[in-house]
Protein backbone atom coordinates (compact mmCIF):
# COMPACT_ATOMS: atom_id res chain seq x y z
CA MET A 1 10.63 -8.51 20.18
CA TYR A 2 11.36 -10.67 17.25
CA LEU A 3 9.17 -12.14 14.25
CA LYS A 4 8.90 -15.93 14.05
CA ILE A 5 8.01 -17.28 10.47
CA GLN A 6 5.15 -19.81 10.18
CA GLU A 7 4.31 -20.28 6.64
CA LYS A 8 5.77 -19.37 3.26
CA ILE A 9 4.01 -19.56 -0.07
CA PRO A 10 6.35 -18.75 -3.06
CA ASN A 11 4.83 -16.45 -5.80
CA PHE A 12 1.76 -15.19 -4.02
CA VAL A 13 1.13 -11.54 -3.41
CA ILE A 14 -0.95 -10.94 -0.43
CA GLN A 15 -3.60 -8.35 -1.49
CA HIS A 16 -6.49 -8.03 1.03
CA MET A 17 -7.89 -9.13 4.45
CA ASP A 18 -11.37 -8.99 5.32
CA GLY A 19 -11.28 -10.26 9.21
CA GLU A 20 -9.69 -13.73 8.80
CA GLU A 21 -10.38 -13.89 5.10
CA ILE A 22 -7.33 -13.41 2.75
CA LEU A 23 -7.15 -12.67 -0.92
CA ALA A 24 -4.06 -13.09 -2.60
CA SER A 25 -2.72 -13.20 -6.27
CA SER A 26 -0.43 -14.96 -8.55
CA ASN A 27 0.24 -13.42 -11.97
CA TYR A 28 -3.21 -12.48 -12.81
CA THR A 29 -5.26 -14.87 -11.06
CA ILE A 30 -6.97 -14.35 -7.61
CA PHE A 31 -7.08 -16.79 -4.87
CA ARG A 32 -9.02 -16.68 -1.68
CA SER A 33 -8.04 -18.45 1.85
CA ARG A 34 -10.63 -18.81 4.72
CA ASN A 35 -8.27 -20.94 6.96
CA GLY A 36 -5.60 -18.15 7.84
CA GLY A 37 -3.74 -18.68 4.70
CA HIS A 38 -3.12 -22.23 5.29
CA THR A 39 -4.82 -23.04 1.98
CA PHE A 40 -5.82 -21.13 -0.91
CA LYS A 41 -8.67 -21.67 -3.66
CA ARG A 42 -8.61 -20.10 -6.99
CA ILE A 43 -11.45 -17.45 -7.35
CA ILE A 44 -11.08 -16.24 -10.99
CA SER A 45 -8.41 -15.19 -13.46
CA LEU A 46 -8.65 -11.69 -14.87
CA PRO A 47 -9.49 -11.60 -18.78
CA VAL A 48 -5.85 -10.10 -19.89
CA PRO A 49 -4.09 -10.88 -23.23
CA PHE A 50 -2.46 -14.10 -23.73
CA TYR A 51 0.87 -12.71 -24.18
CA SER A 52 0.61 -10.64 -20.54
CA ARG A 53 -0.32 -13.78 -18.84
CA PHE A 54 2.45 -15.76 -20.59
CA MET A 55 5.20 -13.13 -19.73
CA GLY A 56 3.79 -12.97 -16.40
CA GLU A 57 5.22 -16.37 -15.40
CA CYS A 58 8.49 -15.26 -16.21
CA THR A 59 10.44 -13.41 -13.31
CA LEU A 60 12.36 -11.26 -15.47
CA PHE A 61 9.57 -9.90 -17.53
CA SER A 62 7.08 -9.72 -14.84
CA ARG A 63 9.27 -7.60 -12.95
CA ALA A 64 10.68 -5.27 -15.73
CA LEU A 65 7.12 -4.56 -17.20
CA ARG A 66 5.50 -4.71 -13.69
CA LEU A 67 3.23 -7.44 -14.71
CA GLY A 68 0.50 -9.00 -12.70
CA ILE A 69 -2.12 -7.47 -10.17
CA LYS A 70 -0.97 -4.59 -8.71
CA THR A 71 -3.62 -4.20 -5.92
CA ILE A 72 -6.97 -5.38 -5.00
CA ILE A 73 -9.91 -4.06 -2.47
CA LYS A 74 -12.71 -5.90 -1.45
CA LEU A 75 -15.95 -3.80 -0.86
CA ALA A 76 -18.51 -4.36 2.14
CA ASN A 77 -20.97 -6.04 -0.35
CA GLY A 78 -18.52 -8.58 -1.62
CA THR A 79 -17.41 -6.92 -4.82
CA ILE A 80 -13.62 -7.12 -5.47
CA LEU A 81 -11.84 -4.24 -7.50
CA ALA A 82 -8.46 -5.35 -8.72
CA VAL A 83 -6.06 -2.98 -10.89
CA ALA A 84 -4.04 -4.68 -13.50
CA SER A 85 -2.83 -4.19 -17.22
CA LYS A 86 -3.53 -0.42 -16.37
CA GLN A 87 -7.11 -1.07 -15.79
CA ILE A 88 -9.75 -1.62 -13.04
CA PHE A 89 -11.39 -4.76 -13.09
CA HIS A 90 -14.96 -5.27 -11.28
CA ILE A 91 -15.53 -8.80 -10.21
CA LYS A 92 -19.03 -9.75 -8.55
CA ASP A 93 -20.85 -12.99 -8.73
CA GLY A 94 -18.15 -14.70 -10.81
CA GLU A 95 -18.63 -11.95 -13.55
CA VAL A 96 -15.65 -9.62 -14.34
CA SER A 97 -15.89 -6.52 -16.16
CA ILE A 98 -13.55 -3.69 -16.99
CA VAL A 99 -14.76 -0.38 -15.32
CA HIS A 100 -11.53 2.17 -15.89
CA THR A 101 -8.56 2.55 -17.98
CA PHE A 102 -5.50 4.30 -16.72
CA TYR A 103 -4.02 6.42 -19.74
CA LYS A 104 -1.02 7.36 -17.51
CA GLY A 105 0.83 5.13 -15.13
CA PHE A 106 -0.26 1.95 -13.92
CA GLY A 107 -2.61 2.66 -11.40
CA PRO A 108 -3.05 4.00 -7.87
CA LEU A 109 -0.43 2.62 -5.10
CA ARG A 110 -1.42 0.02 -2.82
CA LYS A 111 -2.79 2.38 -0.04
CA GLY A 112 -3.98 4.67 -3.06
CA TRP A 113 -7.48 3.59 -3.06
CA CYS A 114 -10.34 2.88 -0.66
CA GLU A 115 -14.22 2.44 0.24
CA ASP A 116 -15.40 4.68 2.82
CA GLY A 117 -18.25 3.95 5.37
CA ASN A 118 -21.04 4.71 2.99
CA GLY A 119 -19.87 2.48 0.20
CA ASN A 120 -18.30 5.11 -1.88
CA CYS A 121 -14.87 4.45 -3.39
CA TYR A 122 -11.96 6.42 -4.40
CA PHE A 123 -8.63 6.40 -6.02
CA GLY A 124 -5.78 9.04 -6.63
CA GLU A 125 -3.84 9.30 -9.59
CA TYR A 126 -0.17 8.16 -9.31
CA PHE A 127 2.38 8.57 -12.35
CA LEU A 128 5.79 10.09 -12.62
CA ASN A 129 4.49 13.74 -13.49
CA ASN A 130 8.17 14.69 -13.24
CA LYS A 131 7.53 18.18 -14.89
CA ARG A 132 4.58 18.76 -12.64
CA ASP A 133 2.67 19.88 -15.69
CA SER A 134 -0.50 17.60 -15.23
CA LYS A 135 -3.25 18.16 -12.84
CA ILE A 136 -3.52 15.12 -10.41
CA ARG A 137 -7.00 14.00 -9.96
CA LEU A 138 -8.96 11.99 -7.32
CA PHE A 139 -11.84 9.87 -8.57
CA LYS A 140 -14.90 8.65 -6.70
CA SER A 141 -17.50 6.13 -7.42
CA THR A 142 -20.78 5.79 -5.73
CA ASP A 143 -22.24 2.82 -7.70
CA ASP A 144 -20.01 -0.10 -6.43
CA GLY A 145 -17.22 0.93 -8.36
CA ARG A 146 -18.59 0.67 -11.76
CA PHE A 147 -18.15 4.40 -12.92
CA TRP A 148 -15.63 6.94 -11.86
CA ASN A 149 -16.01 10.50 -11.63
CA VAL A 150 -13.25 13.15 -11.02
CA ILE A 151 -14.31 15.00 -7.87
CA CYS A 152 -11.32 17.10 -7.67
CA SER A 153 -7.80 18.07 -9.39
CA LEU A 154 -4.62 19.16 -7.26
CA ASN A 155 -2.26 21.43 -8.72
CA ASN A 156 1.55 21.78 -7.85
CA ILE A 157 2.13 18.02 -6.64
CA ARG A 158 3.65 15.18 -8.37
CA HIS A 159 0.97 12.48 -7.66
CA ILE A 160 -1.14 11.13 -4.67
CA HIS A 161 0.30 8.38 -2.46
CA SER A 162 -2.60 7.34 -0.50
CA VAL A 163 -6.28 7.54 -0.44
CA GLN A 164 -7.58 5.87 3.08
CA PHE A 165 -10.67 5.44 5.05
CA ASP A 166 -10.44 6.34 8.79
CA PRO A 167 -12.78 3.75 10.53
CA TYR A 168 -12.82 5.95 14.04
CA SER A 169 -13.46 9.46 12.58
CA LYS A 170 -15.16 8.18 9.46
CA ASN A 171 -13.28 10.79 7.34
CA VAL A 172 -11.07 10.24 3.97
CA TRP A 173 -7.51 10.87 4.23
CA LEU A 174 -5.19 12.02 1.55
CA CYS A 175 -1.63 12.16 1.26
CA THR A 176 0.54 13.76 -1.51
CA GLY A 177 4.10 14.04 -2.76
CA ASP A 178 6.87 14.50 -3.47
CA LYS A 179 8.70 17.73 -2.83
CA ASP A 180 8.60 19.41 0.53
CA SER A 181 5.72 21.82 -0.75
CA GLU A 182 4.02 19.00 -2.45
CA SER A 183 4.10 16.69 0.78
CA LYS A 184 0.61 17.06 2.60
CA ILE A 185 -1.51 14.82 4.95
CA MET A 186 -5.43 16.11 4.77
CA PHE A 187 -8.66 14.48 5.46
CA SER A 188 -12.06 15.23 4.27
CA GLU A 189 -15.43 14.93 6.17
CA ASP A 190 -17.83 15.44 3.14
CA GLY A 191 -16.81 12.42 0.94
CA GLY A 192 -14.00 14.32 -0.84
CA GLU A 193 -15.69 17.84 -1.51
CA THR A 194 -13.54 19.70 0.78
CA TRP A 195 -10.30 19.03 2.39
CA THR A 196 -8.48 19.90 5.93
CA ASN A 197 -4.81 20.05 5.66
CA ILE A 198 -3.23 18.77 8.90
CA ALA A 199 0.50 18.72 7.83
CA SER A 200 2.47 20.15 4.75
CA GLY A 201 5.68 21.66 3.67
CA SER A 202 8.23 19.30 4.84
CA GLN A 203 9.66 15.67 3.95
CA MET A 204 8.30 14.44 7.33
CA PHE A 205 4.90 14.60 5.84
CA ARG A 206 5.74 12.65 2.79
CA THR A 207 4.12 9.15 3.12
CA LEU A 208 2.57 6.30 1.13
CA SER A 209 0.71 4.83 4.24
CA LEU A 210 -1.58 5.78 7.07
CA THR A 211 -2.35 3.56 10.26
CA PHE A 212 -5.22 4.36 12.19
CA THR A 213 -5.76 3.74 15.81
CA LYS A 214 -8.46 5.32 18.26
CA LYS A 215 -6.14 7.94 19.64
CA HIS A 216 -3.48 8.28 16.96
CA ILE A 217 -2.63 8.29 12.83
CA TYR A 218 0.79 6.78 12.40
CA TRP A 219 3.02 7.12 9.26
CA GLY A 220 6.28 6.50 8.34
CA THR A 221 8.48 8.99 5.98
CA ASP A 222 9.27 8.05 2.42
CA ILE A 223 12.38 9.97 2.06
CA PRO A 224 15.16 8.29 -0.28
CA THR A 225 17.76 10.81 0.37
CA ARG A 226 17.35 11.92 4.06
CA GLN A 227 16.83 10.38 7.58
CA ASN A 228 13.46 8.54 7.82
CA TYR A 229 11.31 8.35 10.81
CA ILE A 230 7.94 6.85 12.46
CA CYS A 231 5.72 9.48 13.21
CA ARG A 232 2.18 10.04 14.52
CA TYR A 233 -0.45 12.68 14.86
CA VAL A 234 -2.46 12.93 18.13
CA ARG A 235 -6.00 13.27 17.44
CA GLY A 236 -6.82 14.93 20.88
CA ASP A 237 -4.48 18.10 20.52
CA GLY A 238 -3.44 17.99 16.87
CA SER A 239 0.16 17.75 17.76
CA ILE A 240 2.76 15.69 15.51
CA GLU A 241 5.42 13.63 17.06
CA LYS A 242 8.54 11.82 15.73
CA LEU A 243 8.80 8.55 17.23
CA THR A 244 11.91 6.74 16.04
CA GLN A 245 14.41 6.76 13.21
CA VAL A 246 14.37 3.95 10.81
CA ASP A 247 16.85 2.87 7.98
CA GLY A 248 15.44 3.64 4.58
CA PRO A 249 11.94 5.02 3.26
CA VAL A 250 8.89 3.52 4.64
CA HIS A 251 6.51 2.42 2.04
CA TYR A 252 3.51 0.36 3.79
CA SER A 253 2.50 -0.13 7.19
CA THR A 254 -0.31 -2.36 8.90
CA THR A 255 -1.67 -3.57 12.25
CA ALA A 256 -1.70 -7.21 13.76
CA GLY A 257 -5.02 -7.32 15.53
CA ASP A 258 -5.32 -4.73 18.06
CA LYS A 259 -1.74 -5.69 19.64
CA PHE A 260 0.99 -4.32 17.06
CA LYS A 261 1.69 -1.34 14.85
CA VAL A 262 3.96 -2.42 11.92
CA PHE A 263 5.84 -0.49 9.42
CA ALA A 264 8.48 -1.81 6.75
CA THR A 265 11.19 0.00 5.36
CA THR A 266 12.26 -0.36 1.32
CA VAL A 267 15.49 -0.44 -0.31
CA GLU A 268 15.24 2.18 -3.14
CA GLY A 269 19.00 2.43 -4.38
CA ASN A 270 19.50 5.90 -5.80
CA SER A 271 16.10 6.32 -6.89
CA GLU A 272 16.16 10.15 -6.20
CA GLY A 273 20.13 10.64 -7.05
CA ILE A 274 22.62 10.60 -4.14
CA SER A 275 20.99 8.41 -1.56
CA SER A 276 21.37 8.32 1.93
CA GLN A 277 23.73 5.38 3.43
CA TRP A 278 21.31 2.86 4.59
CA ASP A 279 22.27 -0.62 4.83
CA GLU A 280 20.61 -2.08 2.01
CA ASN A 281 18.30 -4.03 3.91
CA ALA A 282 14.29 -4.15 4.14
CA HIS A 283 13.36 -4.02 7.75
CA ILE A 284 10.04 -4.73 9.73
CA TRP A 285 9.55 -2.45 12.78
CA ALA A 286 7.01 -3.10 15.32
CA SER A 287 5.38 -1.57 18.44
CA LYS A 288 2.94 -2.26 21.11
CA ASP A 289 2.45 0.96 22.74
CA GLY A 290 3.42 3.17 19.82
CA ILE A 291 6.30 4.67 21.54
CA ASN A 292 8.87 1.67 21.77
CA TRP A 293 9.76 0.51 18.50
CA HIS A 294 11.70 -2.64 17.75
CA ASP A 295 13.63 -3.68 14.55
CA ILE A 296 12.26 -7.47 14.41
CA ILE A 297 13.49 -8.76 11.14
CA SER A 298 15.46 -7.56 8.13
CA TRP A 299 16.50 -9.29 4.51
CA LYS A 300 19.01 -7.78 2.05
CA LYS A 301 18.03 -6.72 -1.17
CA ASP A 302 18.70 -9.33 -4.12
CA LEU A 303 21.16 -8.83 -6.82
CA TRP A 304 18.87 -7.88 -9.56
CA PRO A 305 19.00 -4.04 -10.62
CA TYR A 306 16.79 -1.79 -8.98
CA VAL A 307 14.94 -0.92 -12.48
CA LEU A 308 13.57 -4.43 -11.80
CA GLY A 309 11.91 -3.65 -8.43
CA TYR A 310 12.83 -2.20 -5.06
CA GLY A 311 13.39 -4.52 -2.20
CA ARG A 312 10.37 -4.04 0.06
CA VAL A 313 7.52 -5.77 1.95
CA ILE A 314 4.07 -4.98 1.14
CA PHE A 315 1.01 -5.50 3.53
CA PRO A 316 -2.73 -6.17 2.75
CA ASN A 317 -5.57 -3.79 2.19
CA GLY A 318 -8.49 -4.05 4.50
CA GLU A 319 -8.18 -5.22 7.98
CA ASN A 320 -6.47 -7.93 9.92
CA LYS A 321 -8.16 -8.76 12.94
CA THR A 322 -5.78 -11.73 13.90
CA ASN A 323 -2.69 -11.32 15.78
CA ASP A 324 -0.56 -12.99 13.00
CA LEU A 325 1.14 -10.91 10.47
CA TYR A 326 0.60 -11.24 6.67
CA PHE A 327 2.93 -9.92 4.01
CA THR A 328 4.58 -10.13 0.63
CA THR A 329 8.48 -9.87 0.32
CA GLN A 330 9.62 -8.53 -3.05
CA ALA A 331 13.19 -8.39 -4.42
CA LEU A 332 15.01 -9.52 -1.38
CA GLN A 333 17.49 -12.27 -1.23
CA SER A 334 15.72 -15.71 -0.76
CA PHE A 335 12.42 -14.05 -0.39
CA GLY A 336 11.28 -12.80 -3.80
CA ASN A 337 7.60 -12.61 -4.29
CA THR A 338 6.83 -14.87 -1.15
CA LEU A 339 3.62 -14.58 0.77
CA ILE A 340 4.71 -15.07 4.47
CA LYS A 341 2.40 -15.63 7.59
CA ALA A 342 4.23 -14.83 10.85
CA ARG A 343 3.89 -14.13 14.69
CA ILE A 344 5.26 -11.20 16.47
CA CYS A 345 6.81 -12.65 19.76
CA THR A 346 7.64 -10.77 22.78
């Protein structure tokens, strides 16, 4: 199994897929493709200060200050929600409004927010919280992402890694970290009012991204200082399986149509002190059956220091119904901030 790259678009970040429609961003501007990423048309530029937009055009400033659009989700009714400049922007029918401001951190992680099957939206707080002296809150919106209420607060965790909707069970899933006792995977059947914990108390359950299939829920571990694995939860009997070892912590995962499950490892350096001896490459791993996994491509971290960004691969939110794989490479040699369309070949 290997990856065949078909198209490369510099300075574009893949953000969301809705069937075959793709949303991407460059600096603070959102673009749309309706032909599989062959061409993109500008949708709108977010109303951010001029100096932010100006510095966002410079690679050094953009990476050091974490400028540009962080993450986008498109709701079922067509509304676009985007996180940038520590705010949530609501975009509907060509009109843009700011609906929430983050006073700690830059906003949720890429998989840290979602829409459920009833049109409710959620996001989980993510900021450093090194002293664990802040309650970490889960927010919910029932009005198209315009107004956000706190629906629960979590004690004794560092932050929320992911908040995702499971299209099979119709549940909302929540993952937290970072220490053993803080690493949890749980779900809610009632819109976030109550939660059922399926796994906790180990770095094996420290993850930033879940991938759902009819019979299983997959994740990759995010452990900078130990061996990492791709794992899965069996829906039928509730068992948890380690599937394969991978080089480096896994940040994000996706699917390519109904054929492949895909995970990507990240190069973090000594992000938590003494790191395990990885190979300083970001890898993409893929599997058809969920049991046999293949390292299909890798890139070496670029020469910029880690404070300017980890070497990683990010996948879009939403659902990719095509058999092509779409992703953006960041801080990797010859592939910095590049949107890539590729095909997994067997």
